[in-house]
Amino acid sequence: MRRNKLLVLLFYCSLVLLLNGCVKREIVNADSKGETIVCFGDSITFGYGAKPGEDYPTALASLVRAPVINAGIDGDTSTEALQRLKSDALDRAPFLLIIEFGGNDFLRKVPLETTVSNIRQMIEQAQAKGIMVALVDISAGLFLKEYRMVYKKLALEKGTIFVPSVLNKIVTNPSMKSDFLHPNGEGYKMIAGRIYRAIEPYLKP
């Protein structure tokens, strides 16, 4: 009787851990042999609205033991980014590629299916070179929630790290923003912290 109760307790504990995302997922190329972390994205990665050195890749560099490269371009769409993926990201010896796109696609009315297809190709090209990938979702609450759902599905499908809702509590907080959307230095620090917490279990010792 006592043994049955113990088994039931262990089952529910395991279920709670799974539901809370506490179990480390299997990530493709978690043993990547690269040397750098490349942050590949648009204005959110570039650091638009903040002073030089206040972008999230710079803040992230203070938290990790690896060179961090900012490969963000203000105004970039996923279609434009796909064309520069090799030269700006894959050729820079990353063991981790952090992908952040979608905002400009949304503003320019690029179909979500096209955005997802472009990002899928980025992931596949990186993984084919032995690179680990993290996919960043820039949704916040109801803002771009449709992107959050499909990005999460894509991350699970392709075995990437998923960083959800990095703009949550930033886009609604004027003290964290430089304009209607872009963070300021404090906002980018918060983004860096969220990304770090997601990637930290997979970083090299």
C-alpha atoms as a PDB file:
ATOM      1  CA  MET A   1       0.000   0.000   0.000  1.00  0.00           C
ATOM      2  CA  ARG A   2       2.788   2.393   0.966  1.00  0.00           C
ATOM      3  CA  ARG A   3       4.658   1.471  -2.231  1.00  0.00           C
ATOM      4  CA  ASN A   4       1.616   2.317  -4.367  1.00  0.00           C
ATOM      5  CA  LYS A   5       1.289   5.711  -2.697  1.00  0.00           C
ATOM      6  CA  LEU A   6       4.974   6.396  -3.363  1.00  0.00           C
ATOM      7  CA  LEU A   7       4.586   5.503  -7.035  1.00  0.00           C
ATOM      8  CA  VAL A   8       1.566   7.785  -7.358  1.00  0.00           C
ATOM      9  CA  LEU A   9       3.479  10.605  -5.665  1.00  0.00           C
ATOM     10  CA  LEU A  10       6.454  10.159  -8.006  1.00  0.00           C
ATOM     11  CA  PHE A  11       4.118  10.180 -11.006  1.00  0.00           C
ATOM     12  CA  TYR A  12       2.497  13.464 -10.003  1.00  0.00           C
ATOM     13  CA  CYS A  13       5.864  15.057  -9.195  1.00  0.00           C
ATOM     14  CA  SER A  14       7.133  14.107 -12.650  1.00  0.00           C
ATOM     15  CA  LEU A  15       3.981  15.476 -14.236  1.00  0.00           C
ATOM     16  CA  VAL A  16       4.354  18.804 -12.425  1.00  0.00           C
ATOM     17  CA  LEU A  17       7.969  19.114 -13.555  1.00  0.00           C
ATOM     18  CA  LEU A  18       6.981  18.459 -17.151  1.00  0.00           C
ATOM     19  CA  LEU A  19       4.125  20.945 -17.091  1.00  0.00           C
ATOM     20  CA  ASN A  20       6.379  23.614 -15.619  1.00  0.00           C
ATOM     21  CA  GLY A  21       9.060  23.081 -18.232  1.00  0.00           C
ATOM     22  CA  CYS A  22      11.642  22.125 -15.623  1.00  0.00           C
ATOM     23  CA  VAL A  23      12.865  19.124 -17.592  1.00  0.00           C
ATOM     24  CA  LYS A  24      15.782  19.927 -19.892  1.00  0.00           C
ATOM     25  CA  ARG A  25      14.738  19.275 -23.496  1.00  0.00           C
ATOM     26  CA  GLU A  26      16.952  17.541 -26.031  1.00  0.00           C
ATOM     27  CA  ILE A  27      18.421  20.225 -28.270  1.00  0.00           C
ATOM     28  CA  VAL A  28      20.012  19.492 -31.656  1.00  0.00           C
ATOM     29  CA  ASN A  29      23.785  20.097 -31.651  1.00  0.00           C
ATOM     30  CA  ALA A  30      23.948  20.710 -27.905  1.00  0.00           C
ATOM     31  CA  ASP A  31      27.578  19.508 -28.212  1.00  0.00           C
ATOM     32  CA  SER A  32      28.396  22.134 -30.854  1.00  0.00           C
ATOM     33  CA  LYS A  33      32.124  22.756 -31.319  1.00  0.00           C
ATOM     34  CA  GLY A  34      31.926  26.421 -32.350  1.00  0.00           C
ATOM     35  CA  GLU A  35      33.551  29.303 -30.485  1.00  0.00           C
ATOM     36  CA  THR A  36      31.111  32.234 -30.510  1.00  0.00           C
ATOM     37  CA  ILE A  37      27.507  33.168 -29.848  1.00  0.00           C
ATOM     38  CA  VAL A  38      25.998  35.011 -32.810  1.00  0.00           C
ATOM     39  CA  CYS A  39      22.889  37.117 -32.176  1.00  0.00           C
ATOM     40  CA  PHE A  40      21.166  37.251 -35.549  1.00  0.00           C
ATOM     41  CA  GLY A  41      18.197  39.566 -35.788  1.00  0.00           C
ATOM     42  CA  ASP A  42      16.609  42.904 -36.615  1.00  0.00           C
ATOM     43  CA  SER A  43      16.409  46.196 -34.694  1.00  0.00           C
ATOM     44  CA  ILE A  44      15.732  44.411 -31.386  1.00  0.00           C
ATOM     45  CA  THR A  45      19.084  42.650 -31.745  1.00  0.00           C
ATOM     46  CA  PHE A  46      20.816  45.669 -33.258  1.00  0.00           C
ATOM     47  CA  GLY A  47      19.814  47.731 -30.233  1.00  0.00           C
ATOM     48  CA  TYR A  48      17.737  50.455 -31.847  1.00  0.00           C
ATOM     49  CA  GLY A  49      16.758  53.148 -29.362  1.00  0.00           C
ATOM     50  CA  ALA A  50      19.614  52.541 -26.944  1.00  0.00           C
ATOM     51  CA  LYS A  51      23.061  54.093 -26.630  1.00  0.00           C
ATOM     52  CA  PRO A  52      26.061  52.260 -28.125  1.00  0.00           C
ATOM     53  CA  GLY A  53      26.925  49.308 -25.925  1.00  0.00           C
ATOM     54  CA  GLU A  54      23.441  49.054 -24.417  1.00  0.00           C
ATOM     55  CA  ASP A  55      22.123  46.475 -26.912  1.00  0.00           C
ATOM     56  CA  TYR A  56      21.103  43.045 -25.637  1.00  0.00           C
ATOM     57  CA  PRO A  57      24.076  41.143 -27.173  1.00  0.00           C
ATOM     58  CA  THR A  58      26.474  43.382 -25.239  1.00  0.00           C
ATOM     59  CA  ALA A  59      24.508  42.780 -22.042  1.00  0.00           C
ATOM     60  CA  LEU A  60      24.472  39.051 -22.780  1.00  0.00           C
ATOM     61  CA  ALA A  61      28.261  39.069 -23.242  1.00  0.00           C
ATOM     62  CA  SER A  62      28.641  40.077 -19.597  1.00  0.00           C
ATOM     63  CA  LEU A  63      26.747  36.940 -18.530  1.00  0.00           C
ATOM     64  CA  VAL A  64      28.451  34.253 -20.632  1.00  0.00           C
ATOM     65  CA  ARG A  65      31.987  32.947 -21.076  1.00  0.00           C
ATOM     66  CA  ALA A  66      32.154  33.268 -24.847  1.00  0.00           C
ATOM     67  CA  PRO A  67      32.526  36.017 -27.453  1.00  0.00           C
ATOM     68  CA  VAL A  68      29.112  37.404 -28.413  1.00  0.00           C
ATOM     69  CA  ILE A  69      28.636  38.884 -31.886  1.00  0.00           C
ATOM     70  CA  ASN A  70      25.851  41.337 -32.689  1.00  0.00           C
ATOM     71  CA  ALA A  71      24.640  40.485 -36.198  1.00  0.00           C
ATOM     72  CA  GLY A  72      21.463  42.545 -35.988  1.00  0.00           C
ATOM     73  CA  ILE A  73      20.383  44.948 -38.733  1.00  0.00           C
ATOM     74  CA  ASP A  74      17.740  47.576 -38.129  1.00  0.00           C
ATOM     75  CA  GLY A  75      14.714  47.080 -40.377  1.00  0.00           C
ATOM     76  CA  ASP A  76      15.645  43.569 -41.489  1.00  0.00           C
ATOM     77  CA  THR A  77      12.923  41.124 -42.480  1.00  0.00           C
ATOM     78  CA  SER A  78      13.342  37.363 -42.307  1.00  0.00           C
ATOM     79  CA  THR A  79      13.590  37.278 -46.128  1.00  0.00           C
ATOM     80  CA  GLU A  80      16.470  39.758 -46.173  1.00  0.00           C
ATOM     81  CA  ALA A  81      18.133  38.005 -43.249  1.00  0.00           C
ATOM     82  CA  LEU A  82      18.060  34.629 -44.968  1.00  0.00           C
ATOM     83  CA  GLN A  83      20.195  36.098 -47.759  1.00  0.00           C
ATOM     84  CA  ARG A  84      22.910  37.228 -45.319  1.00  0.00           C
ATOM     85  CA  LEU A  85      22.763  34.223 -42.999  1.00  0.00           C
ATOM     86  CA  LYS A  86      25.968  32.601 -44.240  1.00  0.00           C
ATOM     87  CA  SER A  87      28.221  35.652 -44.290  1.00  0.00           C
ATOM     88  CA  ASP A  88      26.880  37.373 -41.172  1.00  0.00           C
ATOM     89  CA  ALA A  89      26.267  34.339 -38.970  1.00  0.00           C
ATOM     90  CA  LEU A  90      27.284  30.868 -40.113  1.00  0.00           C
ATOM     91  CA  ASP A  91      30.779  31.892 -41.196  1.00  0.00           C
ATOM     92  CA  ARG A  92      31.561  33.405 -37.767  1.00  0.00           C
ATOM     93  CA  ALA A  93      32.200  30.119 -35.946  1.00  0.00           C
ATOM     94  CA  PRO A  94      29.137  30.067 -33.689  1.00  0.00           C
ATOM     95  CA  PHE A  95      28.392  27.204 -31.351  1.00  0.00           C
ATOM     96  CA  LEU A  96      25.077  28.974 -30.702  1.00  0.00           C
ATOM     97  CA  LEU A  97      23.007  31.008 -33.147  1.00  0.00           C
ATOM     98  CA  ILE A  98      20.274  33.151 -31.561  1.00  0.00           C
ATOM     99  CA  ILE A  99      17.586  33.973 -34.151  1.00  0.00           C
ATOM    100  CA  GLU A 100      15.244  36.940 -33.593  1.00  0.00           C
ATOM    101  CA  PHE A 101      12.968  38.076 -36.429  1.00  0.00           C
ATOM    102  CA  GLY A 102       9.304  38.811 -37.055  1.00  0.00           C
ATOM    103  CA  GLY A 103       8.623  42.416 -36.119  1.00  0.00           C
ATOM    104  CA  ASN A 104       9.414  43.890 -39.529  1.00  0.00           C
ATOM    105  CA  ASP A 105       7.689  40.999 -41.272  1.00  0.00           C
ATOM    106  CA  PHE A 106       4.563  41.880 -39.304  1.00  0.00           C
ATOM    107  CA  LEU A 107       4.829  45.608 -40.073  1.00  0.00           C
ATOM    108  CA  ARG A 108       5.382  44.946 -43.782  1.00  0.00           C
ATOM    109  CA  LYS A 109       2.536  42.425 -43.890  1.00  0.00           C
ATOM    110  CA  VAL A 110       4.744  39.500 -44.840  1.00  0.00           C
ATOM    111  CA  PRO A 111       2.588  36.360 -44.538  1.00  0.00           C
ATOM    112  CA  LEU A 112       3.309  34.466 -41.335  1.00  0.00           C
ATOM    113  CA  GLU A 113       3.820  31.307 -43.383  1.00  0.00           C
ATOM    114  CA  THR A 114       6.653  33.024 -45.273  1.00  0.00           C
ATOM    115  CA  THR A 115       8.283  34.187 -42.052  1.00  0.00           C
ATOM    116  CA  VAL A 116       8.141  30.692 -40.558  1.00  0.00           C
ATOM    117  CA  SER A 117       9.504  29.171 -43.773  1.00  0.00           C
ATOM    118  CA  ASN A 118      12.435  31.603 -43.758  1.00  0.00           C
ATOM    119  CA  ILE A 119      13.239  30.917 -40.114  1.00  0.00           C
ATOM    120  CA  ARG A 120      12.940  27.172 -40.657  1.00  0.00           C
ATOM    121  CA  GLN A 121      15.528  27.457 -43.428  1.00  0.00           C
ATOM    122  CA  MET A 122      17.827  29.453 -41.122  1.00  0.00           C
ATOM    123  CA  ILE A 123      17.546  26.771 -38.458  1.00  0.00           C
ATOM    124  CA  GLU A 124      18.133  23.927 -40.887  1.00  0.00           C
ATOM    125  CA  GLN A 125      21.174  25.574 -42.481  1.00  0.00           C
ATOM    126  CA  ALA A 126      22.695  26.248 -39.062  1.00  0.00           C
ATOM    127  CA  GLN A 127      21.996  22.759 -37.742  1.00  0.00           C
ATOM    128  CA  ALA A 128      23.481  21.224 -40.887  1.00  0.00           C
ATOM    129  CA  LYS A 129      26.753  22.909 -39.898  1.00  0.00           C
ATOM    130  CA  GLY A 130      26.599  21.512 -36.365  1.00  0.00           C
ATOM    131  CA  ILE A 131      25.414  24.756 -34.763  1.00  0.00           C
ATOM    132  CA  MET A 132      22.995  24.867 -31.832  1.00  0.00           C
ATOM    133  CA  VAL A 133      20.084  27.293 -32.325  1.00  0.00           C
ATOM    134  CA  ALA A 134      17.891  29.384 -30.044  1.00  0.00           C
ATOM    135  CA  LEU A 135      14.678  30.909 -31.411  1.00  0.00           C
ATOM    136  CA  VAL A 136      13.515  34.170 -29.846  1.00  0.00           C
ATOM    137  CA  ASP A 137       9.837  35.156 -29.746  1.00  0.00           C
ATOM    138  CA  ILE A 138       9.190  38.922 -29.510  1.00  0.00           C
ATOM    139  CA  SER A 139       5.543  38.633 -28.552  1.00  0.00           C
ATOM    140  CA  ALA A 140       4.120  40.199 -25.414  1.00  0.00           C
ATOM    141  CA  GLY A 141       0.693  39.207 -24.148  1.00  0.00           C
ATOM    142  CA  LEU A 142      -1.759  39.599 -27.018  1.00  0.00           C
ATOM    143  CA  PHE A 143       0.843  41.467 -29.103  1.00  0.00           C
ATOM    144  CA  LEU A 144       2.020  39.068 -31.847  1.00  0.00           C
ATOM    145  CA  LYS A 145       0.628  36.080 -29.930  1.00  0.00           C
ATOM    146  CA  GLU A 146       0.126  34.200 -33.221  1.00  0.00           C
ATOM    147  CA  TYR A 147       3.894  34.356 -33.749  1.00  0.00           C
ATOM    148  CA  ARG A 148       4.502  32.931 -30.279  1.00  0.00           C
ATOM    149  CA  MET A 149       2.391  29.876 -30.991  1.00  0.00           C
ATOM    150  CA  VAL A 150       3.978  29.006 -34.335  1.00  0.00           C
ATOM    151  CA  TYR A 151       7.525  29.800 -33.142  1.00  0.00           C
ATOM    152  CA  LYS A 152       7.102  27.483 -30.165  1.00  0.00           C
ATOM    153  CA  LYS A 153       5.844  24.742 -32.448  1.00  0.00           C
ATOM    154  CA  LEU A 154       8.767  25.298 -34.813  1.00  0.00           C
ATOM    155  CA  ALA A 155      11.272  25.191 -31.948  1.00  0.00           C
ATOM    156  CA  LEU A 156       9.860  21.870 -30.739  1.00  0.00           C
ATOM    157  CA  GLU A 157       9.829  20.488 -34.268  1.00  0.00           C
ATOM    158  CA  LYS A 158      13.437  21.433 -35.033  1.00  0.00           C
ATOM    159  CA  GLY A 159      14.958  20.866 -31.597  1.00  0.00           C
ATOM    160  CA  THR A 160      15.989  24.428 -30.815  1.00  0.00           C
ATOM    161  CA  ILE A 161      16.025  26.381 -27.567  1.00  0.00           C
ATOM    162  CA  PHE A 162      12.884  28.532 -27.326  1.00  0.00           C
ATOM    163  CA  VAL A 163      12.909  31.971 -25.701  1.00  0.00           C
ATOM    164  CA  PRO A 164       9.287  33.136 -25.266  1.00  0.00           C
ATOM    165  CA  SER A 165       7.852  36.645 -24.998  1.00  0.00           C
ATOM    166  CA  VAL A 166      11.065  38.637 -24.558  1.00  0.00           C
ATOM    167  CA  LEU A 167       9.168  41.932 -24.836  1.00  0.00           C
ATOM    168  CA  ASN A 168       6.669  41.024 -22.120  1.00  0.00           C
ATOM    169  CA  LYS A 169       6.369  43.836 -19.533  1.00  0.00           C
ATOM    170  CA  ILE A 170       8.614  45.997 -21.706  1.00  0.00           C
ATOM    171  CA  VAL A 171       6.222  47.193 -24.426  1.00  0.00           C
ATOM    172  CA  THR A 172       3.715  48.189 -21.729  1.00  0.00           C
ATOM    173  CA  ASN A 173       6.292  49.960 -19.551  1.00  0.00           C
ATOM    174  CA  PRO A 174       7.361  53.434 -20.763  1.00  0.00           C
ATOM    175  CA  SER A 175      10.401  53.383 -18.467  1.00  0.00           C
ATOM    176  CA  MET A 176      11.723  50.380 -20.398  1.00  0.00           C
ATOM    177  CA  LYS A 177      11.188  51.771 -23.915  1.00  0.00           C
ATOM    178  CA  SER A 178      12.734  54.350 -26.230  1.00  0.00           C
ATOM    179  CA  ASP A 179       9.643  54.577 -28.455  1.00  0.00           C
ATOM    180  CA  PHE A 180       6.311  52.772 -28.938  1.00  0.00           C
ATOM    181  CA  LEU A 181       8.051  49.394 -29.397  1.00  0.00           C
ATOM    182  CA  HIS A 182      11.827  49.437 -29.011  1.00  0.00           C
ATOM    183  CA  PRO A 183      13.428  48.955 -25.590  1.00  0.00           C
ATOM    184  CA  ASN A 184      15.924  51.336 -24.060  1.00  0.00           C
ATOM    185  CA  GLY A 185      19.094  50.202 -22.300  1.00  0.00           C
ATOM    186  CA  GLU A 186      17.193  48.857 -19.295  1.00  0.00           C
ATOM    187  CA  GLY A 187      14.773  47.013 -21.563  1.00  0.00           C
ATOM    188  CA  TYR A 188      17.611  45.380 -23.470  1.00  0.00           C
ATOM    189  CA  LYS A 189      19.169  44.256 -20.184  1.00  0.00           C
ATOM    190  CA  MET A 190      15.894  42.521 -19.359  1.00  0.00           C
ATOM    191  CA  ILE A 191      15.883  40.835 -22.769  1.00  0.00           C
ATOM    192  CA  ALA A 192      19.468  39.675 -22.270  1.00  0.00           C
ATOM    193  CA  GLY A 193      18.538  38.193 -18.905  1.00  0.00           C
ATOM    194  CA  ARG A 194      15.609  36.288 -20.369  1.00  0.00           C
ATOM    195  CA  ILE A 195      17.714  34.905 -23.189  1.00  0.00           C
ATOM    196  CA  TYR A 196      20.490  33.958 -20.773  1.00  0.00           C
ATOM    197  CA  ARG A 197      18.096  32.010 -18.540  1.00  0.00           C
ATOM    198  CA  ALA A 198      16.879  30.044 -21.573  1.00  0.00           C
ATOM    199  CA  ILE A 199      20.320  29.216 -22.973  1.00  0.00           C
ATOM    200  CA  GLU A 200      22.254  28.790 -19.721  1.00  0.00           C
ATOM    201  CA  PRO A 201      21.506  25.036 -19.297  1.00  0.00           C
ATOM    202  CA  TYR A 202      23.065  24.425 -22.731  1.00  0.00           C
ATOM    203  CA  LEU A 203      26.183  26.596 -22.456  1.00  0.00           C
ATOM    204  CA  LYS A 204      29.645  25.109 -22.323  1.00  0.00           C
ATOM    205  CA  PRO A 205      31.239  24.894 -18.869  1.00  0.00           C
END
